[in-house]
Every structure is written in structure tokens, then in C-alpha cells.
N, C-alpha and C. Protein backbone atom coordinates (compact mmCIF):
# COMPACT_ATOMS: atom_id res chain seq x y z
N UNK A 1 0.72 -1.38 -0.11
CA UNK A 1 0.31 -0.10 0.12
C UNK A 1 1.01 1.43 0.20
N UNK A 2 0.57 2.13 -0.61
CA UNK A 2 1.26 3.46 -0.57
C UNK A 2 1.29 4.12 0.71
N UNK A 3 2.17 4.80 1.17
CA UNK A 3 2.49 5.30 2.69
C UNK A 3 2.37 7.02 2.81
N UNK A 4 2.40 7.91 0.72
CA UNK A 4 2.49 8.82 1.07
C UNK A 4 0.90 9.24 1.43
N UNK A 5 -0.30 8.07 1.42
CA UNK A 5 -1.24 8.89 1.82
C UNK A 5 -1.88 8.94 2.73
N UNK A 6 -3.03 8.67 3.97
CA UNK A 6 -3.55 8.01 4.66
C UNK A 6 -4.53 6.85 3.73
N UNK A 7 -5.07 5.54 4.13
CA UNK A 7 -5.51 5.09 3.16
C UNK A 7 -6.86 5.37 3.75
N UNK A 8 -7.65 5.22 2.15
CA UNK A 8 -9.29 4.74 2.44
C UNK A 8 -9.89 3.16 2.57
N UNK A 9 -10.97 3.34 3.15
CA UNK A 9 -11.94 2.57 3.68
C UNK A 9 -11.65 1.52 2.43
N UNK A 10 -12.04 2.20 1.13
CA UNK A 10 -12.00 1.53 -0.43
C UNK A 10 -10.67 1.40 -0.67
N UNK A 11 -9.92 1.55 -0.47
CA UNK A 11 -8.48 0.33 -0.94
C UNK A 11 -8.56 -0.12 -0.61
N UNK A 12 -7.71 -0.83 -2.05
CA UNK A 12 -7.74 -2.65 -2.23
C UNK A 12 -6.89 -3.00 -1.32
N UNK A 13 -7.24 -4.60 -0.70
CA UNK A 13 -5.83 -5.28 0.63
C UNK A 13 -5.31 -5.66 -0.73
N UNK A 14 -3.88 -6.90 0.04
CA UNK A 14 -3.23 -7.07 -0.71
C UNK A 14 -3.16 -8.09 -1.42
N UNK A 15 -4.56 -8.80 -0.44
CA UNK A 15 -4.80 -10.39 -0.75
C UNK A 15 -5.55 -9.76 -2.78
N UNK A 16 -6.42 -8.74 -2.13
CA UNK A 16 -7.00 -8.19 -3.74
C UNK A 16 -6.67 -8.46 -4.96
N UNK A 17 -5.59 -7.13 -4.16
CA UNK A 17 -4.43 -6.44 -5.36
C UNK A 17 -3.15 -7.87 -5.84
N UNK A 18 -3.40 -8.98 -5.58
CA UNK A 18 -2.26 -10.21 -5.81
C UNK A 18 -3.81 -10.44 -6.76
N UNK A 19 -4.88 -11.12 -7.28
CA UNK A 19 -5.74 -11.09 -7.87
C UNK A 19 -6.57 -10.63 -9.26
N UNK A 20 -6.31 -9.20 -8.95
CA UNK A 20 -6.40 -7.97 -9.42
C UNK A 20 -5.20 -7.36 -10.72
N UNK A 21 -4.30 -7.62 -10.44
CA UNK A 21 -2.53 -7.28 -11.10
C UNK A 21 -2.45 -7.52 -12.41
N UNK A 22 -2.38 -9.28 -12.13
CA UNK A 22 -2.01 -9.91 -13.26
C UNK A 22 -3.13 -9.43 -14.81
N UNK A 23 -4.40 -8.36 -14.62
CA UNK A 23 -5.21 -8.14 -15.55
C UNK A 23 -5.01 -6.27 -15.99
N UNK A 24 -4.84 -5.87 -15.06
CA UNK A 24 -4.16 -4.94 -15.20
C UNK A 24 -3.28 -4.86 -16.53
N UNK A 25 -2.01 -5.58 -15.91
CA UNK A 25 -0.54 -5.50 -16.37
C UNK A 25 -0.68 -5.73 -18.28
N UNK A 26 -1.93 -6.08 -18.84
CA UNK A 26 -2.44 -6.73 -19.86
C UNK A 26 -2.38 -5.67 -21.02
N UNK A 27 -2.24 -3.94 -20.28
CA UNK A 27 -2.74 -2.75 -21.10
C UNK A 27 -0.86 -2.34 -21.53
N UNK A 28 -1.00 -1.41 -22.53
CA UNK A 28 0.53 -1.39 -23.77
C UNK A 28 1.06 -0.63 -22.17
N UNK A 29 2.26 -0.40 -22.64
CA UNK A 29 3.44 -0.14 -21.98
C UNK A 29 3.27 1.63 -22.08
N UNK A 30 2.59 2.14 -23.50
CA UNK A 30 2.88 3.73 -23.21
C UNK A 30 1.53 3.98 -22.94
N UNK A 31 0.57 3.06 -22.48
CA UNK A 31 -0.87 4.11 -21.69
C UNK A 31 -0.45 4.86 -20.65
N UNK A 32 -1.35 5.98 -21.34
CA UNK A 32 -1.70 6.96 -20.46
C UNK A 32 -1.09 6.72 -18.74
N UNK A 33 -2.36 5.79 -18.26
CA UNK A 33 -2.20 4.74 -17.06
C UNK A 33 -0.63 4.51 -16.76
N UNK A 34 -0.01 4.31 -17.41
CA UNK A 34 0.90 3.23 -16.98
C UNK A 34 2.25 4.39 -16.00
N UNK A 35 1.91 6.48 -16.24
CA UNK A 35 2.16 7.10 -15.79
C UNK A 35 2.51 7.13 -13.78
N UNK A 36 0.72 6.43 -13.56
CA UNK A 36 0.96 6.50 -12.03
C UNK A 36 0.75 5.36 -11.99
N UNK A 37 1.04 4.88 -10.46
CA UNK A 37 0.66 3.70 -9.94
C UNK A 37 0.20 2.88 -10.09
N UNK A 38 -0.05 1.97 -11.10
CA UNK A 38 -1.68 0.75 -11.19
C UNK A 38 -2.11 0.60 -10.37
N UNK A 39 -1.35 0.39 -8.48
CA UNK A 39 -3.14 0.16 -7.14
C UNK A 39 -3.61 1.60 -6.77
N UNK A 40 -2.74 2.57 -7.27
CA UNK A 40 -3.65 3.81 -6.62
C UNK A 40 -4.20 4.21 -7.91
N UNK A 41 -4.18 3.46 -9.10
CA UNK A 41 -4.94 4.21 -9.88
C UNK A 41 -6.36 3.33 -9.12
N UNK A 42 -6.19 1.88 -9.47
CA UNK A 42 -7.47 0.79 -9.21
C UNK A 42 -8.26 1.07 -7.74
N UNK A 43 -6.79 2.02 -6.73
CA UNK A 43 -7.61 2.40 -5.27
C UNK A 43 -8.66 3.93 -5.58
N UNK A 44 -8.23 4.43 -6.90
CA UNK A 44 -9.43 5.66 -7.16
C UNK A 44 -10.52 5.34 -7.75
N UNK A 45 -10.28 4.31 -8.99
CA UNK A 45 -11.70 3.76 -9.13
C UNK A 45 -12.61 2.80 -7.99
N UNK A 46 -11.65 2.38 -7.24
CA UNK A 46 -12.79 1.96 -6.63
C UNK A 46 -13.12 3.15 -4.99
N UNK A 47 -12.57 3.96 -5.05
CA UNK A 47 -12.82 5.48 -4.35
C UNK A 47 -14.07 5.97 -4.99
N UNK A 48 -14.19 5.87 -6.31
CA UNK A 48 -15.30 6.19 -6.73
C UNK A 48 -16.53 5.83 -6.84
N UNK A 49 -16.25 4.14 -7.02
CA UNK A 49 -17.13 3.39 -6.88
C UNK A 49 -17.95 4.10 -5.17
N UNK A 50 -17.75 3.35 -4.85
CA UNK A 50 -17.66 2.87 -3.41
C UNK A 50 -18.35 4.40 -2.19
N UNK A 51 -18.20 5.21 -2.79
CA UNK A 51 -19.39 6.96 -2.37
C UNK A 51 -19.73 7.45 -4.18
N UNK A 52 -19.86 7.12 -4.49
CA UNK A 52 -20.44 7.09 -5.76
C UNK A 52 -20.67 8.73 -5.96
N UNK A 53 -19.37 9.36 -6.30
CA UNK A 53 -18.61 10.75 -6.40
C UNK A 53 -18.28 11.16 -7.92
N UNK A 54 -18.17 12.24 -8.34
CA UNK A 54 -18.70 12.40 -9.63
C UNK A 54 -16.58 12.41 -9.94
N UNK A 55 -16.28 12.21 -11.38
CA UNK A 55 -15.03 11.83 -11.32
C UNK A 55 -13.98 12.72 -10.99
N UNK A 56 -14.62 14.38 -11.21
CA UNK A 56 -14.10 15.38 -10.87
C UNK A 56 -13.82 15.63 -9.58
N UNK A 57 -14.75 14.94 -8.60
CA UNK A 57 -14.77 14.95 -7.62
C UNK A 57 -13.60 14.49 -6.52
N UNK A 58 -12.91 13.77 -7.06
CA UNK A 58 -11.81 12.83 -6.36
C UNK A 58 -10.96 13.37 -5.53
N UNK A 59 -10.10 13.08 -4.24
CA UNK A 59 -9.69 13.84 -3.41
C UNK A 59 -8.32 13.98 -4.75
N UNK A 60 -7.51 15.20 -4.02
CA UNK A 60 -6.70 15.04 -4.87
C UNK A 60 -5.21 14.14 -4.06
N UNK A 61 -5.06 13.64 -3.62
CA UNK A 61 -3.66 12.13 -3.50
C UNK A 61 -4.01 11.62 -3.62
N UNK A 62 -5.41 11.13 -5.27
CA UNK A 62 -5.17 9.94 -5.40
C UNK A 62 -5.24 10.47 -6.84
N UNK A 63 -4.52 9.54 -8.06
CA UNK A 63 -3.93 10.17 -9.09
C UNK A 63 -4.91 10.55 -9.75
N UNK A 64 -4.88 11.76 -10.88
CA UNK A 64 -5.32 12.71 -11.65
C UNK A 64 -6.83 11.85 -12.07
N UNK A 65 -7.81 12.55 -12.19
CA UNK A 65 -9.31 11.23 -12.62
C UNK A 65 -9.49 11.90 -13.45
N UNK A 66 -9.18 11.76 -14.75
CA UNK A 66 -8.56 11.41 -15.97
C UNK A 66 -8.44 10.39 -16.60
N UNK A 67 -7.10 9.95 -15.44
CA UNK A 67 -6.31 8.60 -15.35
C UNK A 67 -7.18 7.47 -15.21
N UNK A 68 -7.68 7.81 -13.62
CA UNK A 68 -8.51 7.08 -13.19
C UNK A 68 -9.46 7.01 -14.69
N UNK A 69 -10.29 7.86 -15.34
CA UNK A 69 -11.36 7.24 -15.34
C UNK A 69 -11.02 6.43 -16.86
N UNK A 70 -9.73 6.74 -17.64
CA UNK A 70 -9.66 6.05 -18.54
C UNK A 70 -8.96 4.51 -18.12
N UNK A 71 -8.58 4.12 -16.70
CA UNK A 71 -8.18 2.81 -16.46
C UNK A 71 -9.56 2.17 -16.57
N UNK A 72 -10.97 2.60 -15.49
CA UNK A 72 -12.25 2.50 -15.89
C UNK A 72 -12.39 2.01 -16.79
N UNK A 73 -12.69 2.84 -18.32
CA UNK A 73 -12.69 2.59 -19.27
C UNK A 73 -12.54 1.47 -20.17
N UNK A 74 -11.12 0.96 -19.88
CA UNK A 74 -10.76 -0.49 -19.63
C UNK A 74 -11.67 -1.70 -19.52
């Protein structure tokens, strides 16, 4: 887990992450999301889903909403 920020209840656990990461690594190396930590992108997506917020209302300590949105479209 990223120690640069306080974790949210919606953050993915280590066990969940080990199941998900192989599927996220299927994206191209030059994809926009690769500029950000994949786990943090996924945490951002889970935050939006869990709290039902608008993309642009995402907290500033998560990756930019545009990158999280692009990940969700995959």
C-alpha cells in the first residue's frame, strides 16, 4: 500500500491486489495509466464506485481523475 497518503476504506487489500494485478498488466506499456501507480489507479476507481462521487470530485491525493477514468474504460 502507498505510504504517502492515509489509506481509504475503499483501498484494495494486498490479497485482492494479487488477484487483480495480472489483468491490469495486460495494457500497453505506453498507456496513459502507466504514468501512475497501477494500484493507486485502482484505488481511485474503487473510491469513485464506493462513494458514488463525480470523477472530478476525486481527492487530490489519488491519481488525476482523467487517468482513473481512462482505467475504468478498459
